[in-house]
Amino acid sequence: MTQKTIAKLAVLSEDERTRLLAESREKLQRDIFARERAAEEKGIEKGIEQGRIEERLAFARKLLEDSRTIDEIMRYTSLSRAKIQSLLH
């Protein structure tokens, strides 16, 4: 091989490494973005669910104020007996 051929192979080899490195960085960035997006979506879902629970608890408190029975409140809110009883204290 001539010096010129060896130099050309070195450049091509370096370009391949550079391309692979760039692809690896891009994949890492996509993976990080996907994980962040999934975590954000999970947080939103958790917040929505927490809001629903708080709404049911508020409704249960109103039913207790109206002297409804625990069994009725359980039926209307789907809350457990223990959860409703905890609102009494």
PDB file of N, CA and C in Angstrom:
ATOM      1  N   MET A   1       0.831  -1.180   0.000  1.00  0.00           N
ATOM      2  CA  MET A   1       0.000   0.000   0.000  1.00  0.00           C
ATOM      3  C   MET A   1       0.875   1.243   0.000  1.00  0.00           C
ATOM      4  N   THR A   2       0.362   2.227  -0.660  1.00  0.00           N
ATOM      5  CA  THR A   2       1.106   3.486  -0.693  1.00  0.00           C
ATOM      6  C   THR A   2       0.706   4.349   0.488  1.00  0.00           C
ATOM      7  N   GLN A   3       1.500   5.334   0.754  1.00  0.00           N
ATOM      8  CA  GLN A   3       1.226   6.264   1.856  1.00  0.00           C
ATOM      9  C   GLN A   3      -0.109   6.971   1.629  1.00  0.00           C
ATOM     10  N   LYS A   4      -0.398   7.285   0.374  1.00  0.00           N
ATOM     11  CA  LYS A   4      -1.638   7.978   0.041  1.00  0.00           C
ATOM     12  C   LYS A   4      -2.849   7.088   0.358  1.00  0.00           C
ATOM     13  N   THR A   5      -2.747   5.809   0.023  1.00  0.00           N
ATOM     14  CA  THR A   5      -3.837   4.856   0.279  1.00  0.00           C
ATOM     15  C   THR A   5      -4.030   4.676   1.780  1.00  0.00           C
ATOM     16  N   ILE A   6      -2.937   4.566   2.492  1.00  0.00           N
ATOM     17  CA  ILE A   6      -3.012   4.401   3.947  1.00  0.00           C
ATOM     18  C   ILE A   6      -3.656   5.634   4.581  1.00  0.00           C
ATOM     19  N   ALA A   7      -3.297   6.804   4.120  1.00  0.00           N
ATOM     20  CA  ALA A   7      -3.873   8.044   4.647  1.00  0.00           C
ATOM     21  C   ALA A   7      -5.371   8.106   4.350  1.00  0.00           C
ATOM     22  N   LYS A   8      -5.766   7.696   3.146  1.00  0.00           N
ATOM     23  CA  LYS A   8      -7.179   7.713   2.768  1.00  0.00           C
ATOM     24  C   LYS A   8      -7.974   6.735   3.633  1.00  0.00           C
ATOM     25  N   LEU A   9      -7.404   5.546   3.881  1.00  0.00           N
ATOM     26  CA  LEU A   9      -8.066   4.567   4.737  1.00  0.00           C
ATOM     27  C   LEU A   9      -8.212   5.103   6.167  1.00  0.00           C
ATOM     28  N   ALA A  10      -7.228   5.801   6.646  1.00  0.00           N
ATOM     29  CA  ALA A  10      -7.283   6.371   7.991  1.00  0.00           C
ATOM     30  C   ALA A  10      -8.410   7.404   8.083  1.00  0.00           C
ATOM     31  N   VAL A  11      -8.539   8.239   7.049  1.00  0.00           N
ATOM     32  CA  VAL A  11      -9.605   9.252   7.035  1.00  0.00           C
ATOM     33  C   VAL A  11     -10.973   8.578   6.999  1.00  0.00           C
ATOM     34  N   LEU A  12     -11.139   7.573   6.123  1.00  0.00           N
ATOM     35  CA  LEU A  12     -12.409   6.866   6.017  1.00  0.00           C
ATOM     36  C   LEU A  12     -12.749   6.162   7.327  1.00  0.00           C
ATOM     37  N   SER A  13     -11.754   5.574   7.955  1.00  0.00           N
ATOM     38  CA  SER A  13     -11.953   4.891   9.224  1.00  0.00           C
ATOM     39  C   SER A  13     -12.383   5.882  10.299  1.00  0.00           C
ATOM     40  N   GLU A  14     -11.739   7.028  10.338  1.00  0.00           N
ATOM     41  CA  GLU A  14     -12.085   8.066  11.312  1.00  0.00           C
ATOM     42  C   GLU A  14     -13.496   8.583  11.054  1.00  0.00           C
ATOM     43  N   ASP A  15     -13.869   8.747   9.804  1.00  0.00           N
ATOM     44  CA  ASP A  15     -15.220   9.189   9.466  1.00  0.00           C
ATOM     45  C   ASP A  15     -16.257   8.180   9.954  1.00  0.00           C
ATOM     46  N   GLU A  16     -15.971   6.894   9.805  1.00  0.00           N
ATOM     47  CA  GLU A  16     -16.886   5.849  10.258  1.00  0.00           C
ATOM     48  C   GLU A  16     -17.043   5.907  11.772  1.00  0.00           C
ATOM     49  N   ARG A  17     -15.946   6.086  12.485  1.00  0.00           N
ATOM     50  CA  ARG A  17     -16.017   6.197  13.940  1.00  0.00           C
ATOM     51  C   ARG A  17     -16.807   7.442  14.359  1.00  0.00           C
ATOM     52  N   THR A  18     -16.567   8.527  13.661  1.00  0.00           N
ATOM     53  CA  THR A  18     -17.280   9.767  13.955  1.00  0.00           C
ATOM     54  C   THR A  18     -18.774   9.588  13.715  1.00  0.00           C
ATOM     55  N   ARG A  19     -19.148   8.938  12.621  1.00  0.00           N
ATOM     56  CA  ARG A  19     -20.554   8.684  12.302  1.00  0.00           C
ATOM     57  C   ARG A  19     -21.199   7.811  13.376  1.00  0.00           C
ATOM     58  N   LEU A  20     -20.501   6.731  13.760  1.00  0.00           N
ATOM     59  CA  LEU A  20     -21.032   5.838  14.787  1.00  0.00           C
ATOM     60  C   LEU A  20     -21.198   6.552  16.122  1.00  0.00           C
ATOM     61  N   LEU A  21     -20.233   7.400  16.453  1.00  0.00           N
ATOM     62  CA  LEU A  21     -20.319   8.168  17.686  1.00  0.00           C
ATOM     63  C   LEU A  21     -21.511   9.129  17.639  1.00  0.00           C
ATOM     64  N   ALA A  22     -21.698   9.787  16.514  1.00  0.00           N
ATOM     65  CA  ALA A  22     -22.827  10.713  16.370  1.00  0.00           C
ATOM     66  C   ALA A  22     -24.151   9.959  16.461  1.00  0.00           C
ATOM     67  N   GLU A  23     -24.237   8.804  15.843  1.00  0.00           N
ATOM     68  CA  GLU A  23     -25.455   7.992  15.910  1.00  0.00           C
ATOM     69  C   GLU A  23     -25.730   7.548  17.348  1.00  0.00           C
ATOM     70  N   SER A  24     -24.676   7.179  18.050  1.00  0.00           N
ATOM     71  CA  SER A  24     -24.835   6.754  19.448  1.00  0.00           C
ATOM     72  C   SER A  24     -25.346   7.902  20.307  1.00  0.00           C
ATOM     73  N   ARG A  25     -24.793   9.102  20.101  1.00  0.00           N
ATOM     74  CA  ARG A  25     -25.251  10.267  20.854  1.00  0.00           C
ATOM     75  C   ARG A  25     -26.710  10.590  20.539  1.00  0.00           C
ATOM     76  N   GLU A  26     -27.062  10.503  19.268  1.00  0.00           N
ATOM     77  CA  GLU A  26     -28.435  10.788  18.862  1.00  0.00           C
ATOM     78  C   GLU A  26     -29.405   9.781  19.486  1.00  0.00           C
ATOM     79  N   LYS A  27     -29.019   8.504  19.493  1.00  0.00           N
ATOM     80  CA  LYS A  27     -29.868   7.473  20.102  1.00  0.00           C
ATOM     81  C   LYS A  27     -30.029   7.727  21.600  1.00  0.00           C
ATOM     82  N   LEU A  28     -28.945   8.085  22.253  1.00  0.00           N
ATOM     83  CA  LEU A  28     -29.003   8.388  23.678  1.00  0.00           C
ATOM     84  C   LEU A  28     -29.954   9.551  23.941  1.00  0.00           C
ATOM     85  N   GLN A  29     -29.871  10.594  23.143  1.00  0.00           N
ATOM     86  CA  GLN A  29     -30.757  11.749  23.312  1.00  0.00           C
ATOM     87  C   GLN A  29     -32.224  11.357  23.103  1.00  0.00           C
ATOM     88  N   ARG A  30     -32.489  10.518  22.103  1.00  0.00           N
ATOM     89  CA  ARG A  30     -33.870  10.048  21.869  1.00  0.00           C
ATOM     90  C   ARG A  30     -34.357   9.219  23.054  1.00  0.00           C
ATOM     91  N   ASP A  31     -33.479   8.355  23.575  1.00  0.00           N
ATOM     92  CA  ASP A  31     -33.850   7.519  24.724  1.00  0.00           C
ATOM     93  C   ASP A  31     -34.150   8.376  25.958  1.00  0.00           C
ATOM     94  N   ILE A  32     -33.325   9.375  26.203  1.00  0.00           N
ATOM     95  CA  ILE A  32     -33.544  10.262  27.345  1.00  0.00           C
ATOM     96  C   ILE A  32     -34.868  10.998  27.181  1.00  0.00           C
ATOM     97  N   PHE A  33     -35.126  11.514  25.989  1.00  0.00           N
ATOM     98  CA  PHE A  33     -36.381  12.226  25.729  1.00  0.00           C
ATOM     99  C   PHE A  33     -37.573  11.306  25.940  1.00  0.00           C
ATOM    100  N   ALA A  34     -37.478  10.069  25.457  1.00  0.00           N
ATOM    101  CA  ALA A  34     -38.586   9.116  25.593  1.00  0.00           C
ATOM    102  C   ALA A  34     -38.841   8.795  27.068  1.00  0.00           C
ATOM    103  N   ARG A  35     -37.780   8.616  27.849  1.00  0.00           N
ATOM    104  CA  ARG A  35     -37.946   8.343  29.278  1.00  0.00           C
ATOM    105  C   ARG A  35     -38.570   9.538  30.003  1.00  0.00           C
ATOM    106  N   GLU A  36     -38.113  10.739  29.648  1.00  0.00           N
ATOM    107  CA  GLU A  36     -38.675  11.939  30.274  1.00  0.00           C
ATOM    108  C   GLU A  36     -40.149  12.088  29.920  1.00  0.00           C
ATOM    109  N   ARG A  37     -40.480  11.822  28.674  1.00  0.00           N
ATOM    110  CA  ARG A  37     -41.874  11.925  28.224  1.00  0.00           C
ATOM    111  C   ARG A  37     -42.753  10.908  28.952  1.00  0.00           C
ATOM    112  N   ALA A  38     -42.256   9.679  29.083  1.00  0.00           N
ATOM    113  CA  ALA A  38     -43.015   8.638  29.779  1.00  0.00           C
ATOM    114  C   ALA A  38     -43.212   9.009  31.246  1.00  0.00           C
ATOM    115  N   ALA A  39     -42.173   9.544  31.879  1.00  0.00           N
ATOM    116  CA  ALA A  39     -42.278   9.940  33.284  1.00  0.00           C
ATOM    117  C   ALA A  39     -43.280  11.079  33.440  1.00  0.00           C
ATOM    118  N   GLU A  40     -43.256  12.016  32.506  1.00  0.00           N
ATOM    119  CA  GLU A  40     -44.200  13.131  32.552  1.00  0.00           C
ATOM    120  C   GLU A  40     -45.638  12.640  32.398  1.00  0.00           C
ATOM    121  N   GLU A  41     -45.858  11.747  31.461  1.00  0.00           N
ATOM    122  CA  GLU A  41     -47.196  11.192  31.250  1.00  0.00           C
ATOM    123  C   GLU A  41     -47.671  10.419  32.476  1.00  0.00           C
ATOM    124  N   LYS A  42     -46.761   9.663  33.077  1.00  0.00           N
ATOM    125  CA  LYS A  42     -47.112   8.908  34.284  1.00  0.00           C
ATOM    126  C   LYS A  42     -47.470   9.869  35.413  1.00  0.00           C
ATOM    127  N   GLY A  43     -46.725  10.960  35.535  1.00  0.00           N
ATOM    128  CA  GLY A  43     -47.013  11.957  36.560  1.00  0.00           C
ATOM    129  C   GLY A  43     -48.375  12.613  36.348  1.00  0.00           C
ATOM    130  N   ILE A  44     -48.691  12.889  35.098  1.00  0.00           N
ATOM    131  CA  ILE A  44     -49.995  13.482  34.790  1.00  0.00           C
ATOM    132  C   ILE A  44     -51.111  12.512  35.154  1.00  0.00           C
ATOM    133  N   GLU A  45     -50.953  11.258  34.775  1.00  0.00           N
ATOM    134  CA  GLU A  45     -51.965  10.251  35.102  1.00  0.00           C
ATOM    135  C   GLU A  45     -52.133  10.105  36.611  1.00  0.00           C
ATOM    136  N   LYS A  46     -51.018  10.122  37.324  1.00  0.00           N
ATOM    137  CA  LYS A  46     -51.073  10.002  38.776  1.00  0.00           C
ATOM    138  C   LYS A  46     -51.788  11.210  39.382  1.00  0.00           C
ATOM    139  N   GLY A  47     -51.522  12.397  38.852  1.00  0.00           N
ATOM    140  CA  GLY A  47     -52.185  13.601  39.336  1.00  0.00           C
ATOM    141  C   GLY A  47     -53.683  13.574  39.086  1.00  0.00           C
ATOM    142  N   ILE A  48     -54.072  13.099  37.915  1.00  0.00           N
ATOM    143  CA  ILE A  48     -55.495  12.983  37.588  1.00  0.00           C
ATOM    144  C   ILE A  48     -56.173  12.015  38.551  1.00  0.00           C
ATOM    145  N   GLU A  49     -55.538  10.878  38.785  1.00  0.00           N
ATOM    146  CA  GLU A  49     -56.107   9.884  39.702  1.00  0.00           C
ATOM    147  C   GLU A  49     -56.215  10.445  41.111  1.00  0.00           C
ATOM    148  N   GLN A  50     -55.190  11.172  41.544  1.00  0.00           N
ATOM    149  CA  GLN A  50     -55.224  11.771  42.883  1.00  0.00           C
ATOM    150  C   GLN A  50     -56.376  12.773  42.974  1.00  0.00           C
ATOM    151  N   GLY A  51     -56.588  13.531  41.905  1.00  0.00           N
ATOM    152  CA  GLY A  51     -57.700  14.477  41.879  1.00  0.00           C
ATOM    153  C   GLY A  51     -59.047  13.779  41.999  1.00  0.00           C
ATOM    154  N   ARG A  52     -59.176  12.642  41.337  1.00  0.00           N
ATOM    155  CA  ARG A  52     -60.427  11.873  41.433  1.00  0.00           C
ATOM    156  C   ARG A  52     -60.664  11.383  42.864  1.00  0.00           C
ATOM    157  N   ILE A  53     -59.607  10.922  43.488  1.00  0.00           N
ATOM    158  CA  ILE A  53     -59.727  10.446  44.875  1.00  0.00           C
ATOM    159  C   ILE A  53     -60.135  11.597  45.785  1.00  0.00           C
ATOM    160  N   GLU A  54     -59.482  12.752  45.617  1.00  0.00           N
ATOM    161  CA  GLU A  54     -59.819  13.917  46.444  1.00  0.00           C
ATOM    162  C   GLU A  54     -61.281  14.330  46.233  1.00  0.00           C
ATOM    163  N   GLU A  55     -61.747  14.241  44.999  1.00  0.00           N
ATOM    164  CA  GLU A  55     -63.141  14.578  44.702  1.00  0.00           C
ATOM    165  C   GLU A  55     -64.103  13.609  45.408  1.00  0.00           C
ATOM    166  N   ARG A  56     -63.771  12.317  45.387  1.00  0.00           N
ATOM    167  CA  ARG A  56     -64.611  11.325  46.064  1.00  0.00           C
ATOM    168  C   ARG A  56     -64.609  11.537  47.570  1.00  0.00           C
ATOM    169  N   LEU A  57     -63.457  11.902  48.113  1.00  0.00           N
ATOM    170  CA  LEU A  57     -63.374  12.174  49.550  1.00  0.00           C
ATOM    171  C   LEU A  57     -64.220  13.397  49.920  1.00  0.00           C
ATOM    172  N   ALA A  58     -64.157  14.426  49.114  1.00  0.00           N
ATOM    173  CA  ALA A  58     -64.959  15.629  49.380  1.00  0.00           C
ATOM    174  C   ALA A  58     -66.445  15.283  49.317  1.00  0.00           C
ATOM    175  N   PHE A  59     -66.832  14.481  48.347  1.00  0.00           N
ATOM    176  CA  PHE A  59     -68.231  14.066  48.233  1.00  0.00           C
ATOM    177  C   PHE A  59     -68.636  13.246  49.452  1.00  0.00           C
ATOM    178  N   ALA A  60     -67.748  12.361  49.892  1.00  0.00           N
ATOM    179  CA  ALA A  60     -68.038  11.535  51.074  1.00  0.00           C
ATOM    180  C   ALA A  60     -68.225  12.407  52.302  1.00  0.00           C
ATOM    181  N   ARG A  61     -67.410  13.460  52.453  1.00  0.00           N
ATOM    182  CA  ARG A  61     -67.558  14.368  53.593  1.00  0.00           C
ATOM    183  C   ARG A  61     -68.946  15.034  53.581  1.00  0.00           C
ATOM    184  N   LYS A  62     -69.376  15.457  52.396  1.00  0.00           N
ATOM    185  CA  LYS A  62     -70.700  16.082  52.277  1.00  0.00           C
ATOM    186  C   LYS A  62     -71.811  15.089  52.630  1.00  0.00           C
ATOM    187  N   LEU A  63     -71.637  13.856  52.180  1.00  0.00           N
ATOM    188  CA  LEU A  63     -72.639  12.836  52.507  1.00  0.00           C
ATOM    189  C   LEU A  63     -72.671  12.566  54.006  1.00  0.00           C
ATOM    190  N   LEU A  64     -71.502  12.575  54.640  1.00  0.00           N
ATOM    191  CA  LEU A  64     -71.466  12.403  56.098  1.00  0.00           C
ATOM    192  C   LEU A  64     -72.173  13.558  56.798  1.00  0.00           C
ATOM    193  N   GLU A  65     -71.961  14.769  56.295  1.00  0.00           N
ATOM    194  CA  GLU A  65     -72.637  15.938  56.869  1.00  0.00           C
ATOM    195  C   GLU A  65     -74.150  15.819  56.731  1.00  0.00           C
ATOM    196  N   ASP A  66     -74.586  15.137  55.673  1.00  0.00           N
ATOM    197  CA  ASP A  66     -76.030  14.920  55.458  1.00  0.00           C
ATOM    198  C   ASP A  66     -76.538  13.683  56.188  1.00  0.00           C
ATOM    199  N   SER A  67     -75.713  13.136  57.053  1.00  0.00           N
ATOM    200  CA  SER A  67     -76.072  11.975  57.876  1.00  0.00           C
ATOM    201  C   SER A  67     -76.369  10.715  57.062  1.00  0.00           C
ATOM    202  N   ARG A  68     -75.696  10.559  55.948  1.00  0.00           N
ATOM    203  CA  ARG A  68     -75.836   9.315  55.169  1.00  0.00           C
ATOM    204  C   ARG A  68     -75.071   8.209  55.867  1.00  0.00           C
ATOM    205  N   THR A  69     -75.502   6.976  55.665  1.00  0.00           N
ATOM    206  CA  THR A  69     -74.826   5.839  56.305  1.00  0.00           C
ATOM    207  C   THR A  69     -73.524   5.533  55.562  1.00  0.00           C
ATOM    208  N   ILE A  70     -72.645   4.864  56.276  1.00  0.00           N
ATOM    209  CA  ILE A  70     -71.367   4.482  55.661  1.00  0.00           C
ATOM    210  C   ILE A  70     -71.614   3.570  54.465  1.00  0.00           C
ATOM    211  N   ASP A  71     -72.569   2.667  54.568  1.00  0.00           N
ATOM    212  CA  ASP A  71     -72.869   1.784  53.437  1.00  0.00           C
ATOM    213  C   ASP A  71     -73.327   2.576  52.207  1.00  0.00           C
ATOM    214  N   GLU A  72     -74.148   3.598  52.427  1.00  0.00           N
ATOM    215  CA  GLU A  72     -74.583   4.437  51.308  1.00  0.00           C
ATOM    216  C   GLU A  72     -73.389   5.163  50.690  1.00  0.00           C
ATOM    217  N   ILE A  73     -72.556   5.711  51.534  1.00  0.00           N
ATOM    218  CA  ILE A  73     -71.387   6.461  51.053  1.00  0.00           C
ATOM    219  C   ILE A  73     -70.447   5.535  50.283  1.00  0.00           C
ATOM    220  N   MET A  74     -70.284   4.329  50.781  1.00  0.00           N
ATOM    221  CA  MET A  74     -69.450   3.352  50.069  1.00  0.00           C
ATOM    222  C   MET A  74     -70.015   3.097  48.669  1.00  0.00           C
ATOM    223  N   ARG A  75     -71.315   2.968  48.581  1.00  0.00           N
ATOM    224  CA  ARG A  75     -71.969   2.688  47.303  1.00  0.00           C
ATOM    225  C   ARG A  75     -71.811   3.873  46.335  1.00  0.00           C
ATOM    226  N   TYR A  76     -71.959   5.101  46.849  1.00  0.00           N
ATOM    227  CA  TYR A  76     -71.903   6.292  46.001  1.00  0.00           C
ATOM    228  C   TYR A  76     -70.488   6.680  45.588  1.00  0.00           C
ATOM    229  N   THR A  77     -69.517   6.362  46.434  1.00  0.00           N
ATOM    230  CA  THR A  77     -68.153   6.853  46.187  1.00  0.00           C
ATOM    231  C   THR A  77     -67.134   5.772  45.832  1.00  0.00           C
ATOM    232  N   SER A  78     -67.478   4.526  46.090  1.00  0.00           N
ATOM    233  CA  SER A  78     -66.540   3.398  45.914  1.00  0.00           C
ATOM    234  C   SER A  78     -65.341   3.474  46.853  1.00  0.00           C
ATOM    235  N   LEU A  79     -65.464   4.259  47.901  1.00  0.00           N
ATOM    236  CA  LEU A  79     -64.408   4.314  48.913  1.00  0.00           C
ATOM    237  C   LEU A  79     -64.584   3.153  49.880  1.00  0.00           C
ATOM    238  N   SER A  80     -63.497   2.766  50.508  1.00  0.00           N
ATOM    239  CA  SER A  80     -63.566   1.677  51.486  1.00  0.00           C
ATOM    240  C   SER A  80     -64.199   2.177  52.789  1.00  0.00           C
ATOM    241  N   ARG A  81     -64.703   1.220  53.558  1.00  0.00           N
ATOM    242  CA  ARG A  81     -65.292   1.542  54.866  1.00  0.00           C
ATOM    243  C   ARG A  81     -64.247   2.248  55.742  1.00  0.00           C
ATOM    244  N   ALA A  82     -63.025   1.729  55.735  1.00  0.00           N
ATOM    245  CA  ALA A  82     -61.964   2.310  56.564  1.00  0.00           C
ATOM    246  C   ALA A  82     -61.668   3.751  56.151  1.00  0.00           C
ATOM    247  N   LYS A  83     -61.658   4.022  54.863  1.00  0.00           N
ATOM    248  CA  LYS A  83     -61.374   5.367  54.374  1.00  0.00           C
ATOM    249  C   LYS A  83     -62.477   6.329  54.812  1.00  0.00           C
ATOM    250  N   ILE A  84     -63.715   5.877  54.720  1.00  0.00           N
ATOM    251  CA  ILE A  84     -64.834   6.736  55.138  1.00  0.00           C
ATOM    252  C   ILE A  84     -64.804   6.955  56.637  1.00  0.00           C
ATOM    253  N   GLN A  85     -64.523   5.894  57.386  1.00  0.00           N
ATOM    254  CA  GLN A  85     -64.459   6.032  58.846  1.00  0.00           C
ATOM    255  C   GLN A  85     -63.336   6.968  59.256  1.00  0.00           C
ATOM    256  N   SER A  86     -62.255   6.985  58.474  1.00  0.00           N
ATOM    257  CA  SER A  86     -61.145   7.905  58.813  1.00  0.00           C
ATOM    258  C   SER A  86     -61.567   9.365  58.663  1.00  0.00           C
ATOM    259  N   LEU A  87     -62.602   9.616  57.868  1.00  0.00           N
ATOM    260  CA  LEU A  87     -63.088  10.992  57.715  1.00  0.00           C
ATOM    261  C   LEU A  87     -63.883  11.454  58.938  1.00  0.00           C
ATOM    262  N   LEU A  88     -64.311  10.515  59.757  1.00  0.00           N
ATOM    263  CA  LEU A  88     -65.096  10.836  60.942  1.00  0.00           C
ATOM    264  C   LEU A  88     -64.228  11.387  62.071  1.00  0.00           C
ATOM    265  N   HIS A  89     -62.937  11.180  62.009  1.00  0.00           N
ATOM    266  CA  HIS A  89     -62.054  11.572  63.117  1.00  0.00           C
ATOM    267  C   HIS A  89     -61.308  12.832  62.827  1.00  0.00           C
TER     268      HIS A  89
END
